[in-house]
Amino acid sequence: MNQSLLTLICPPSLERPISTWLLEHEKISGFTTKQAYGHGSKPDTLDLIEQVEGRKKQIVFQIHVTSEIAEVIINDLKKDFKGTDIHYWLVPVIAAGQLDQL
């Protein structure tokens, strides 16, 4: 069973809707969120304060699941959040576990 880490990047306005969606998704047992700042070359996507600061506040979701489940989640997100500003990437997990169980 191949494990993956699915990372979602979204604007803060989508934090609650995506959190709720992930909590209600039957294939997801848990996830991590954190605040981050995006830096890029598209100033037209930044508001005035973000242009001055040179960064855009974003929310990062990380979900550790099998590769198959990750694909299901991505397809479901594409349907349910079509047209929203969500970026994602999917990477293989080489190793994972609980340190107290090693």
PDB file of N, CA and C in Angstrom:
ATOM      1  N   MET A   1       0.855  -1.179   0.000  1.00  0.00           N
ATOM      2  CA  MET A   1       0.000   0.000   0.000  1.00  0.00           C
ATOM      3  C   MET A   1       0.899   1.240   0.000  1.00  0.00           C
ATOM      4  N   ASN A   2       0.862   2.018  -1.065  1.00  0.00           N
ATOM      5  CA  ASN A   2       1.667   3.226  -1.180  1.00  0.00           C
ATOM      6  C   ASN A   2       1.053   4.358  -0.380  1.00  0.00           C
ATOM      7  N   GLN A   3       1.869   4.979   0.457  1.00  0.00           N
ATOM      8  CA  GLN A   3       1.406   6.108   1.251  1.00  0.00           C
ATOM      9  C   GLN A   3       1.808   7.413   0.569  1.00  0.00           C
ATOM     10  N   SER A   4       0.979   8.429   0.737  1.00  0.00           N
ATOM     11  CA  SER A   4       1.225   9.737   0.142  1.00  0.00           C
ATOM     12  C   SER A   4       0.919  10.835   1.140  1.00  0.00           C
ATOM     13  N   LEU A   5       1.483  11.988   0.868  1.00  0.00           N
ATOM     14  CA  LEU A   5       1.147  13.191   1.616  1.00  0.00           C
ATOM     15  C   LEU A   5       0.528  14.164   0.629  1.00  0.00           C
ATOM     16  N   LEU A   6      -0.748  14.440   0.828  1.00  0.00           N
ATOM     17  CA  LEU A   6      -1.478  15.394   0.001  1.00  0.00           C
ATOM     18  C   LEU A   6      -1.440  16.739   0.702  1.00  0.00           C
ATOM     19  N   THR A   7      -0.933  17.742   0.003  1.00  0.00           N
ATOM     20  CA  THR A   7      -0.863  19.091   0.553  1.00  0.00           C
ATOM     21  C   THR A   7      -1.795  19.987  -0.242  1.00  0.00           C
ATOM     22  N   LEU A   8      -2.637  20.728   0.466  1.00  0.00           N
ATOM     23  CA  LEU A   8      -3.543  21.701  -0.140  1.00  0.00           C
ATOM     24  C   LEU A   8      -3.141  23.087   0.338  1.00  0.00           C
ATOM     25  N   ILE A   9      -3.143  24.055  -0.559  1.00  0.00           N
ATOM     26  CA  ILE A   9      -2.865  25.448  -0.221  1.00  0.00           C
ATOM     27  C   ILE A   9      -4.090  26.246  -0.646  1.00  0.00           C
ATOM     28  N   CYS A  10      -4.648  27.031   0.287  1.00  0.00           N
ATOM     29  CA  CYS A  10      -5.850  27.789  -0.043  1.00  0.00           C
ATOM     30  C   CYS A  10      -5.851  29.125   0.686  1.00  0.00           C
ATOM     31  N   PRO A  11      -6.691  30.054   0.233  1.00  0.00           N
ATOM     32  CA  PRO A  11      -6.822  31.322   0.942  1.00  0.00           C
ATOM     33  C   PRO A  11      -7.503  31.109   2.295  1.00  0.00           C
ATOM     34  N   PRO A  12      -7.251  32.003   3.254  1.00  0.00           N
ATOM     35  CA  PRO A  12      -7.861  31.870   4.579  1.00  0.00           C
ATOM     36  C   PRO A  12      -9.390  31.782   4.551  1.00  0.00           C
ATOM     37  N   SER A  13     -10.018  32.383   3.559  1.00  0.00           N
ATOM     38  CA  SER A  13     -11.486  32.349   3.481  1.00  0.00           C
ATOM     39  C   SER A  13     -12.021  30.934   3.268  1.00  0.00           C
ATOM     40  N   LEU A  14     -11.172  30.033   2.798  1.00  0.00           N
ATOM     41  CA  LEU A  14     -11.607  28.653   2.567  1.00  0.00           C
ATOM     42  C   LEU A  14     -11.216  27.706   3.695  1.00  0.00           C
ATOM     43  N   GLU A  15     -10.555  28.222   4.730  1.00  0.00           N
ATOM     44  CA  GLU A  15     -10.095  27.338   5.806  1.00  0.00           C
ATOM     45  C   GLU A  15     -11.249  26.576   6.451  1.00  0.00           C
ATOM     46  N   ARG A  16     -12.280  27.272   6.851  1.00  0.00           N
ATOM     47  CA  ARG A  16     -13.400  26.596   7.519  1.00  0.00           C
ATOM     48  C   ARG A  16     -14.150  25.649   6.581  1.00  0.00           C
ATOM     49  N   PRO A  17     -14.517  26.100   5.367  1.00  0.00           N
ATOM     50  CA  PRO A  17     -15.226  25.163   4.481  1.00  0.00           C
ATOM     51  C   PRO A  17     -14.414  23.906   4.154  1.00  0.00           C
ATOM     52  N   ILE A  18     -13.119  24.064   3.929  1.00  0.00           N
ATOM     53  CA  ILE A  18     -12.307  22.887   3.615  1.00  0.00           C
ATOM     54  C   ILE A  18     -12.126  22.018   4.850  1.00  0.00           C
ATOM     55  N   SER A  19     -11.910  22.633   6.009  1.00  0.00           N
ATOM     56  CA  SER A  19     -11.794  21.850   7.248  1.00  0.00           C
ATOM     57  C   SER A  19     -13.044  21.012   7.471  1.00  0.00           C
ATOM     58  N   THR A  20     -14.197  21.630   7.326  1.00  0.00           N
ATOM     59  CA  THR A  20     -15.463  20.915   7.497  1.00  0.00           C
ATOM     60  C   THR A  20     -15.583  19.789   6.478  1.00  0.00           C
ATOM     61  N   TRP A  21     -15.263  20.088   5.242  1.00  0.00           N
ATOM     62  CA  TRP A  21     -15.341  19.093   4.169  1.00  0.00           C
ATOM     63  C   TRP A  21     -14.433  17.908   4.474  1.00  0.00           C
ATOM     64  N   LEU A  22     -13.195  18.181   4.891  1.00  0.00           N
ATOM     65  CA  LEU A  22     -12.250  17.105   5.206  1.00  0.00           C
ATOM     66  C   LEU A  22     -12.724  16.280   6.402  1.00  0.00           C
ATOM     67  N   LEU A  23     -13.257  16.947   7.430  1.00  0.00           N
ATOM     68  CA  LEU A  23     -13.750  16.232   8.608  1.00  0.00           C
ATOM     69  C   LEU A  23     -14.924  15.317   8.268  1.00  0.00           C
ATOM     70  N   GLU A  24     -15.719  15.718   7.289  1.00  0.00           N
ATOM     71  CA  GLU A  24     -16.892  14.934   6.902  1.00  0.00           C
ATOM     72  C   GLU A  24     -16.582  13.862   5.855  1.00  0.00           C
ATOM     73  N   HIS A  25     -15.392  13.911   5.258  1.00  0.00           N
ATOM     74  CA  HIS A  25     -15.046  12.948   4.202  1.00  0.00           C
ATOM     75  C   HIS A  25     -14.779  11.582   4.823  1.00  0.00           C
ATOM     76  N   GLU A  26     -15.450  10.582   4.336  1.00  0.00           N
ATOM     77  CA  GLU A  26     -15.383   9.240   4.924  1.00  0.00           C
ATOM     78  C   GLU A  26     -14.013   8.576   4.797  1.00  0.00           C
ATOM     79  N   LYS A  27     -13.190   9.016   3.871  1.00  0.00           N
ATOM     80  CA  LYS A  27     -11.884   8.388   3.646  1.00  0.00           C
ATOM     81  C   LYS A  27     -10.759   9.025   4.467  1.00  0.00           C
ATOM     82  N   ILE A  28     -11.051  10.114   5.187  1.00  0.00           N
ATOM     83  CA  ILE A  28     -10.008  10.861   5.899  1.00  0.00           C
ATOM     84  C   ILE A  28     -10.172  10.682   7.400  1.00  0.00           C
ATOM     85  N   SER A  29      -9.117  10.219   8.053  1.00  0.00           N
ATOM     86  CA  SER A  29      -9.184  10.024   9.507  1.00  0.00           C
ATOM     87  C   SER A  29      -8.588  11.198  10.276  1.00  0.00           C
ATOM     88  N   GLY A  30      -7.880  12.077   9.600  1.00  0.00           N
ATOM     89  CA  GLY A  30      -7.301  13.244  10.255  1.00  0.00           C
ATOM     90  C   GLY A  30      -6.430  14.028   9.292  1.00  0.00           C
ATOM     91  N   PHE A  31      -6.077  15.241   9.696  1.00  0.00           N
ATOM     92  CA  PHE A  31      -5.246  16.100   8.860  1.00  0.00           C
ATOM     93  C   PHE A  31      -4.628  17.185   9.727  1.00  0.00           C
ATOM     94  N   THR A  32      -3.669  17.889   9.160  1.00  0.00           N
ATOM     95  CA  THR A  32      -2.972  18.970   9.849  1.00  0.00           C
ATOM     96  C   THR A  32      -3.185  20.265   9.079  1.00  0.00           C
ATOM     97  N   THR A  33      -3.337  21.370   9.810  1.00  0.00           N
ATOM     98  CA  THR A  33      -3.412  22.679   9.162  1.00  0.00           C
ATOM     99  C   THR A  33      -2.379  23.606   9.779  1.00  0.00           C
ATOM    100  N   LYS A  34      -1.962  24.574   8.982  1.00  0.00           N
ATOM    101  CA  LYS A  34      -1.063  25.607   9.485  1.00  0.00           C
ATOM    102  C   LYS A  34      -1.162  26.828   8.586  1.00  0.00           C
ATOM    103  N   GLN A  35      -0.787  27.977   9.142  1.00  0.00           N
ATOM    104  CA  GLN A  35      -0.743  29.200   8.352  1.00  0.00           C
ATOM    105  C   GLN A  35       0.590  29.280   7.636  1.00  0.00           C
ATOM    106  N   ALA A  36       0.559  29.855   6.459  1.00  0.00           N
ATOM    107  CA  ALA A  36       1.779  30.032   5.680  1.00  0.00           C
ATOM    108  C   ALA A  36       1.653  31.326   4.880  1.00  0.00           C
ATOM    109  N   TYR A  37       2.737  31.720   4.285  1.00  0.00           N
ATOM    110  CA  TYR A  37       2.735  32.892   3.416  1.00  0.00           C
ATOM    111  C   TYR A  37       3.267  32.488   2.054  1.00  0.00           C
ATOM    112  N   GLY A  38       2.504  32.822   1.026  1.00  0.00           N
ATOM    113  CA  GLY A  38       2.919  32.522  -0.335  1.00  0.00           C
ATOM    114  C   GLY A  38       3.637  33.714  -0.934  1.00  0.00           C
ATOM    115  N   HIS A  39       4.642  33.426  -1.712  1.00  0.00           N
ATOM    116  CA  HIS A  39       5.415  34.444  -2.416  1.00  0.00           C
ATOM    117  C   HIS A  39       5.438  34.036  -3.877  1.00  0.00           C
ATOM    118  N   GLY A  40       5.166  34.977  -4.758  1.00  0.00           N
ATOM    119  CA  GLY A  40       5.130  34.600  -6.166  1.00  0.00           C
ATOM    120  C   GLY A  40       5.233  35.794  -7.084  1.00  0.00           C
ATOM    121  N   SER A  41       5.015  35.521  -8.343  1.00  0.00           N
ATOM    122  CA  SER A  41       5.199  36.541  -9.372  1.00  0.00           C
ATOM    123  C   SER A  41       3.879  37.004  -9.986  1.00  0.00           C
ATOM    124  N   LYS A  42       2.788  36.866  -9.249  1.00  0.00           N
ATOM    125  CA  LYS A  42       1.482  37.306  -9.757  1.00  0.00           C
ATOM    126  C   LYS A  42       0.925  38.405  -8.850  1.00  0.00           C
ATOM    127  N   PRO A  43       1.444  39.625  -8.956  1.00  0.00           N
ATOM    128  CA  PRO A  43       0.992  40.693  -8.060  1.00  0.00           C
ATOM    129  C   PRO A  43      -0.481  41.048  -8.229  1.00  0.00           C
ATOM    130  N   ASP A  44      -1.067  40.727  -9.383  1.00  0.00           N
ATOM    131  CA  ASP A  44      -2.483  41.034  -9.593  1.00  0.00           C
ATOM    132  C   ASP A  44      -3.391  40.180  -8.719  1.00  0.00           C
ATOM    133  N   THR A  45      -2.861  39.128  -8.097  1.00  0.00           N
ATOM    134  CA  THR A  45      -3.667  38.297  -7.198  1.00  0.00           C
ATOM    135  C   THR A  45      -3.564  38.763  -5.749  1.00  0.00           C
ATOM    136  N   LEU A  46      -2.763  39.805  -5.503  1.00  0.00           N
ATOM    137  CA  LEU A  46      -2.551  40.296  -4.143  1.00  0.00           C
ATOM    138  C   LEU A  46      -3.366  41.553  -3.895  1.00  0.00           C
ATOM    139  N   ASP A  47      -3.890  41.700  -2.666  1.00  0.00           N
ATOM    140  CA  ASP A  47      -4.527  42.966  -2.320  1.00  0.00           C
ATOM    141  C   ASP A  47      -3.420  43.974  -1.991  1.00  0.00           C
ATOM    142  N   LEU A  48      -3.803  45.215  -1.679  1.00  0.00           N
ATOM    143  CA  LEU A  48      -2.823  46.286  -1.482  1.00  0.00           C
ATOM    144  C   LEU A  48      -1.839  45.976  -0.358  1.00  0.00           C
ATOM    145  N   ILE A  49      -2.343  45.508   0.779  1.00  0.00           N
ATOM    146  CA  ILE A  49      -1.464  45.189   1.915  1.00  0.00           C
ATOM    147  C   ILE A  49      -0.506  44.063   1.541  1.00  0.00           C
ATOM    148  N   GLU A  50      -1.019  43.053   0.854  1.00  0.00           N
ATOM    149  CA  GLU A  50      -0.171  41.935   0.442  1.00  0.00           C
ATOM    150  C   GLU A  50       0.909  42.393  -0.540  1.00  0.00           C
ATOM    151  N   GLN A  51       0.559  43.349  -1.406  1.00  0.00           N
ATOM    152  CA  GLN A  51       1.549  43.877  -2.341  1.00  0.00           C
ATOM    153  C   GLN A  51       2.666  44.601  -1.596  1.00  0.00           C
ATOM    154  N   VAL A  52       2.299  45.372  -0.573  1.00  0.00           N
ATOM    155  CA  VAL A  52       3.296  46.092   0.219  1.00  0.00           C
ATOM    156  C   VAL A  52       4.175  45.099   0.983  1.00  0.00           C
ATOM    157  N   GLU A  53       3.557  44.087   1.587  1.00  0.00           N
ATOM    158  CA  GLU A  53       4.306  43.096   2.364  1.00  0.00           C
ATOM    159  C   GLU A  53       5.066  42.116   1.473  1.00  0.00           C
ATOM    160  N   GLY A  54       4.633  41.964   0.241  1.00  0.00           N
ATOM    161  CA  GLY A  54       5.285  41.036  -0.676  1.00  0.00           C
ATOM    162  C   GLY A  54       4.970  39.577  -0.402  1.00  0.00           C
ATOM    163  N   ARG A  55       3.859  39.335   0.258  1.00  0.00           N
ATOM    164  CA  ARG A  55       3.476  37.956   0.567  1.00  0.00           C
ATOM    165  C   ARG A  55       1.967  37.862   0.731  1.00  0.00           C
ATOM    166  N   LYS A  56       1.466  36.648   0.592  1.00  0.00           N
ATOM    167  CA  LYS A  56       0.029  36.403   0.676  1.00  0.00           C
ATOM    168  C   LYS A  56      -0.228  35.339   1.738  1.00  0.00           C
ATOM    169  N   LYS A  57      -1.096  35.656   2.689  1.00  0.00           N
ATOM    170  CA  LYS A  57      -1.439  34.702   3.740  1.00  0.00           C
ATOM    171  C   LYS A  57      -2.230  33.546   3.140  1.00  0.00           C
ATOM    172  N   GLN A  58      -1.862  32.330   3.528  1.00  0.00           N
ATOM    173  CA  GLN A  58      -2.547  31.151   3.030  1.00  0.00           C
ATOM    174  C   GLN A  58      -2.659  30.104   4.131  1.00  0.00           C
ATOM    175  N   ILE A  59      -3.486  29.112   3.884  1.00  0.00           N
ATOM    176  CA  ILE A  59      -3.659  27.997   4.812  1.00  0.00           C
ATOM    177  C   ILE A  59      -3.157  26.731   4.120  1.00  0.00           C
ATOM    178  N   VAL A  60      -2.399  25.941   4.870  1.00  0.00           N
ATOM    179  CA  VAL A  60      -1.854  24.685   4.360  1.00  0.00           C
ATOM    180  C   VAL A  60      -2.548  23.531   5.083  1.00  0.00           C
ATOM    181  N   PHE A  61      -3.062  22.600   4.310  1.00  0.00           N
ATOM    182  CA  PHE A  61      -3.626  21.358   4.840  1.00  0.00           C
ATOM    183  C   PHE A  61      -2.706  20.228   4.413  1.00  0.00           C
ATOM    184  N   GLN A  62      -2.407  19.322   5.329  1.00  0.00           N
ATOM    185  CA  GLN A  62      -1.628  18.138   4.985  1.00  0.00           C
ATOM    186  C   GLN A  62      -2.395  16.901   5.426  1.00  0.00           C
ATOM    187  N   ILE A  63      -2.535  15.960   4.494  1.00  0.00           N
ATOM    188  CA  ILE A  63      -3.320  14.759   4.733  1.00  0.00           C
ATOM    189  C   ILE A  63      -2.465  13.551   4.351  1.00  0.00           C
ATOM    190  N   HIS A  64      -2.211  12.677   5.313  1.00  0.00           N
ATOM    191  CA  HIS A  64      -1.410  11.467   5.086  1.00  0.00           C
ATOM    192  C   HIS A  64      -2.373  10.310   4.840  1.00  0.00           C
ATOM    193  N   VAL A  65      -2.390   9.826   3.609  1.00  0.00           N
ATOM    194  CA  VAL A  65      -3.308   8.755   3.202  1.00  0.00           C
ATOM    195  C   VAL A  65      -2.618   7.868   2.164  1.00  0.00           C
ATOM    196  N   THR A  66      -3.292   6.813   1.772  1.00  0.00           N
ATOM    197  CA  THR A  66      -2.765   6.004   0.670  1.00  0.00           C
ATOM    198  C   THR A  66      -2.878   6.803  -0.630  1.00  0.00           C
ATOM    199  N   SER A  67      -2.092   6.412  -1.610  1.00  0.00           N
ATOM    200  CA  SER A  67      -2.128   7.095  -2.908  1.00  0.00           C
ATOM    201  C   SER A  67      -3.507   7.003  -3.549  1.00  0.00           C
ATOM    202  N   GLU A  68      -4.151   5.858  -3.381  1.00  0.00           N
ATOM    203  CA  GLU A  68      -5.479   5.662  -3.962  1.00  0.00           C
ATOM    204  C   GLU A  68      -6.502   6.605  -3.328  1.00  0.00           C
ATOM    205  N   ILE A  69      -6.456   6.721  -2.016  1.00  0.00           N
ATOM    206  CA  ILE A  69      -7.384   7.620  -1.322  1.00  0.00           C
ATOM    207  C   ILE A  69      -7.081   9.069  -1.685  1.00  0.00           C
ATOM    208  N   ALA A  70      -5.813   9.405  -1.824  1.00  0.00           N
ATOM    209  CA  ALA A  70      -5.443  10.770  -2.211  1.00  0.00           C
ATOM    210  C   ALA A  70      -6.067  11.139  -3.551  1.00  0.00           C
ATOM    211  N   GLU A  71      -6.046  10.221  -4.497  1.00  0.00           N
ATOM    212  CA  GLU A  71      -6.651  10.482  -5.809  1.00  0.00           C
ATOM    213  C   GLU A  71      -8.161  10.694  -5.687  1.00  0.00           C
ATOM    214  N   VAL A  72      -8.814   9.916  -4.828  1.00  0.00           N
ATOM    215  CA  VAL A  72     -10.253  10.093  -4.589  1.00  0.00           C
ATOM    216  C   VAL A  72     -10.513  11.479  -4.004  1.00  0.00           C
ATOM    217  N   ILE A  73      -9.714  11.871  -3.016  1.00  0.00           N
ATOM    218  CA  ILE A  73      -9.876  13.180  -2.375  1.00  0.00           C
ATOM    219  C   ILE A  73      -9.694  14.296  -3.396  1.00  0.00           C
ATOM    220  N   ILE A  74      -8.658  14.205  -4.211  1.00  0.00           N
ATOM    221  CA  ILE A  74      -8.404  15.235  -5.227  1.00  0.00           C
ATOM    222  C   ILE A  74      -9.587  15.349  -6.185  1.00  0.00           C
ATOM    223  N   ASN A  75     -10.088  14.223  -6.665  1.00  0.00           N
ATOM    224  CA  ASN A  75     -11.234  14.252  -7.583  1.00  0.00           C
ATOM    225  C   ASN A  75     -12.477  14.823  -6.919  1.00  0.00           C
ATOM    226  N   ASP A  76     -12.709  14.469  -5.661  1.00  0.00           N
ATOM    227  CA  ASP A  76     -13.860  15.010  -4.934  1.00  0.00           C
ATOM    228  C   ASP A  76     -13.714  16.517  -4.718  1.00  0.00           C
ATOM    229  N   LEU A  77     -12.504  16.956  -4.377  1.00  0.00           N
ATOM    230  CA  LEU A  77     -12.258  18.395  -4.199  1.00  0.00           C
ATOM    231  C   LEU A  77     -12.493  19.155  -5.501  1.00  0.00           C
ATOM    232  N   LYS A  78     -12.056  18.587  -6.606  1.00  0.00           N
ATOM    233  CA  LYS A  78     -12.249  19.235  -7.911  1.00  0.00           C
ATOM    234  C   LYS A  78     -13.726  19.442  -8.212  1.00  0.00           C
ATOM    235  N   LYS A  79     -14.555  18.506  -7.781  1.00  0.00           N
ATOM    236  CA  LYS A  79     -16.001  18.636  -7.993  1.00  0.00           C
ATOM    237  C   LYS A  79     -16.617  19.640  -7.031  1.00  0.00           C
ATOM    238  N   ASP A  80     -16.286  19.503  -5.747  1.00  0.00           N
ATOM    239  CA  ASP A  80     -16.951  20.296  -4.715  1.00  0.00           C
ATOM    240  C   ASP A  80     -16.393  21.711  -4.554  1.00  0.00           C
ATOM    241  N   PHE A  81     -15.167  21.949  -4.995  1.00  0.00           N
ATOM    242  CA  PHE A  81     -14.554  23.276  -4.849  1.00  0.00           C
ATOM    243  C   PHE A  81     -14.095  23.826  -6.197  1.00  0.00           C
ATOM    244  N   LYS A  82     -14.823  23.477  -7.237  1.00  0.00           N
ATOM    245  CA  LYS A  82     -14.500  23.944  -8.586  1.00  0.00           C
ATOM    246  C   LYS A  82     -14.489  25.475  -8.625  1.00  0.00           C
ATOM    247  N   GLY A  83     -13.478  26.028  -9.257  1.00  0.00           N
ATOM    248  CA  GLY A  83     -13.404  27.477  -9.414  1.00  0.00           C
ATOM    249  C   GLY A  83     -12.807  28.217  -8.232  1.00  0.00           C
ATOM    250  N   THR A  84     -12.386  27.493  -7.205  1.00  0.00           N
ATOM    251  CA  THR A  84     -11.765  28.154  -6.054  1.00  0.00           C
ATOM    252  C   THR A  84     -10.252  28.125  -6.209  1.00  0.00           C
ATOM    253  N   ASP A  85      -9.602  28.948  -5.442  1.00  0.00           N
ATOM    254  CA  ASP A  85      -8.150  29.108  -5.543  1.00  0.00           C
ATOM    255  C   ASP A  85      -7.436  28.112  -4.630  1.00  0.00           C
ATOM    256  N   ILE A  86      -7.511  26.827  -4.982  1.00  0.00           N
ATOM    257  CA  ILE A  86      -6.851  25.780  -4.203  1.00  0.00           C
ATOM    258  C   ILE A  86      -5.741  25.174  -5.063  1.00  0.00           C
ATOM    259  N   HIS A  87      -4.559  25.142  -4.499  1.00  0.00           N
ATOM    260  CA  HIS A  87      -3.412  24.513  -5.163  1.00  0.00           C
ATOM    261  C   HIS A  87      -3.079  23.250  -4.376  1.00  0.00           C
ATOM    262  N   TYR A  88      -2.634  22.216  -5.052  1.00  0.00           N
ATOM    263  CA  TYR A  88      -2.290  20.989  -4.328  1.00  0.00           C
ATOM    264  C   TYR A  88      -1.053  20.348  -4.927  1.00  0.00           C
ATOM    265  N   TRP A  89      -0.429  19.505  -4.130  1.00  0.00           N
ATOM    266  CA  TRP A  89       0.584  18.589  -4.638  1.00  0.00           C
ATOM    267  C   TRP A  89       0.512  17.301  -3.846  1.00  0.00           C
ATOM    268  N   LEU A  90       0.980  16.257  -4.475  1.00  0.00           N
ATOM    269  CA  LEU A  90       0.920  14.921  -3.899  1.00  0.00           C
ATOM    270  C   LEU A  90       2.317  14.309  -3.994  1.00  0.00           C
ATOM    271  N   VAL A  91       2.861  13.898  -2.853  1.00  0.00           N
ATOM    272  CA  VAL A  91       4.206  13.315  -2.837  1.00  0.00           C
ATOM    273  C   VAL A  91       4.173  11.971  -2.112  1.00  0.00           C
ATOM    274  N   PRO A  92       5.051  11.061  -2.510  1.00  0.00           N
ATOM    275  CA  PRO A  92       5.111   9.772  -1.825  1.00  0.00           C
ATOM    276  C   PRO A  92       5.711   9.917  -0.430  1.00  0.00           C
ATOM    277  N   VAL A  93       5.239   9.093   0.488  1.00  0.00           N
ATOM    278  CA  VAL A  93       5.793   9.042   1.842  1.00  0.00           C
ATOM    279  C   VAL A  93       6.702   7.816   1.905  1.00  0.00           C
ATOM    280  N   ILE A  94       7.958   8.051   2.191  1.00  0.00           N
ATOM    281  CA  ILE A  94       8.928   6.957   2.246  1.00  0.00           C
ATOM    282  C   ILE A  94       8.798   6.186   3.551  1.00  0.00           C
ATOM    283  N   ALA A  95       8.605   6.916   4.646  1.00  0.00           N
ATOM    284  CA  ALA A  95       8.461   6.274   5.956  1.00  0.00           C
ATOM    285  C   ALA A  95       7.574   7.142   6.827  1.00  0.00           C
ATOM    286  N   ALA A  96       6.829   6.496   7.719  1.00  0.00           N
ATOM    287  CA  ALA A  96       5.971   7.208   8.664  1.00  0.00           C
ATOM    288  C   ALA A  96       5.673   6.288   9.833  1.00  0.00           C
ATOM    289  N   GLY A  97       5.415   6.856  10.979  1.00  0.00           N
ATOM    290  CA  GLY A  97       5.069   6.060  12.144  1.00  0.00           C
ATOM    291  C   GLY A  97       5.061   6.905  13.396  1.00  0.00           C
ATOM    292  N   GLN A  98       4.680   6.296  14.490  1.00  0.00           N
ATOM    293  CA  GLN A  98       4.690   6.939  15.800  1.00  0.00           C
ATOM    294  C   GLN A  98       6.028   6.639  16.468  1.00  0.00           C
ATOM    295  N   LEU A  99       6.722   7.660  16.955  1.00  0.00           N
ATOM    296  CA  LEU A  99       8.024   7.451  17.575  1.00  0.00           C
ATOM    297  C   LEU A  99       7.941   6.586  18.825  1.00  0.00           C
ATOM    298  N   ASP A 100       6.844   6.673  19.558  1.00  0.00           N
ATOM    299  CA  ASP A 100       6.714   5.863  20.773  1.00  0.00           C
ATOM    300  C   ASP A 100       6.404   4.398  20.466  1.00  0.00           C
ATOM    301  N   GLN A 101       6.166   4.075  19.212  1.00  0.00           N
ATOM    302  CA  GLN A 101       5.862   2.697  18.825  1.00  0.00           C
ATOM    303  C   GLN A 101       7.017   2.040  18.078  1.00  0.00           C
ATOM    304  N   LEU A 102       8.155   2.695  18.040  1.00  0.00           N
ATOM    305  CA  LEU A 102       9.308   2.138  17.310  1.00  0.00           C
ATOM    306  C   LEU A 102      10.173   1.308  18.217  1.00  0.00           C
TER     307      LEU A 102
END
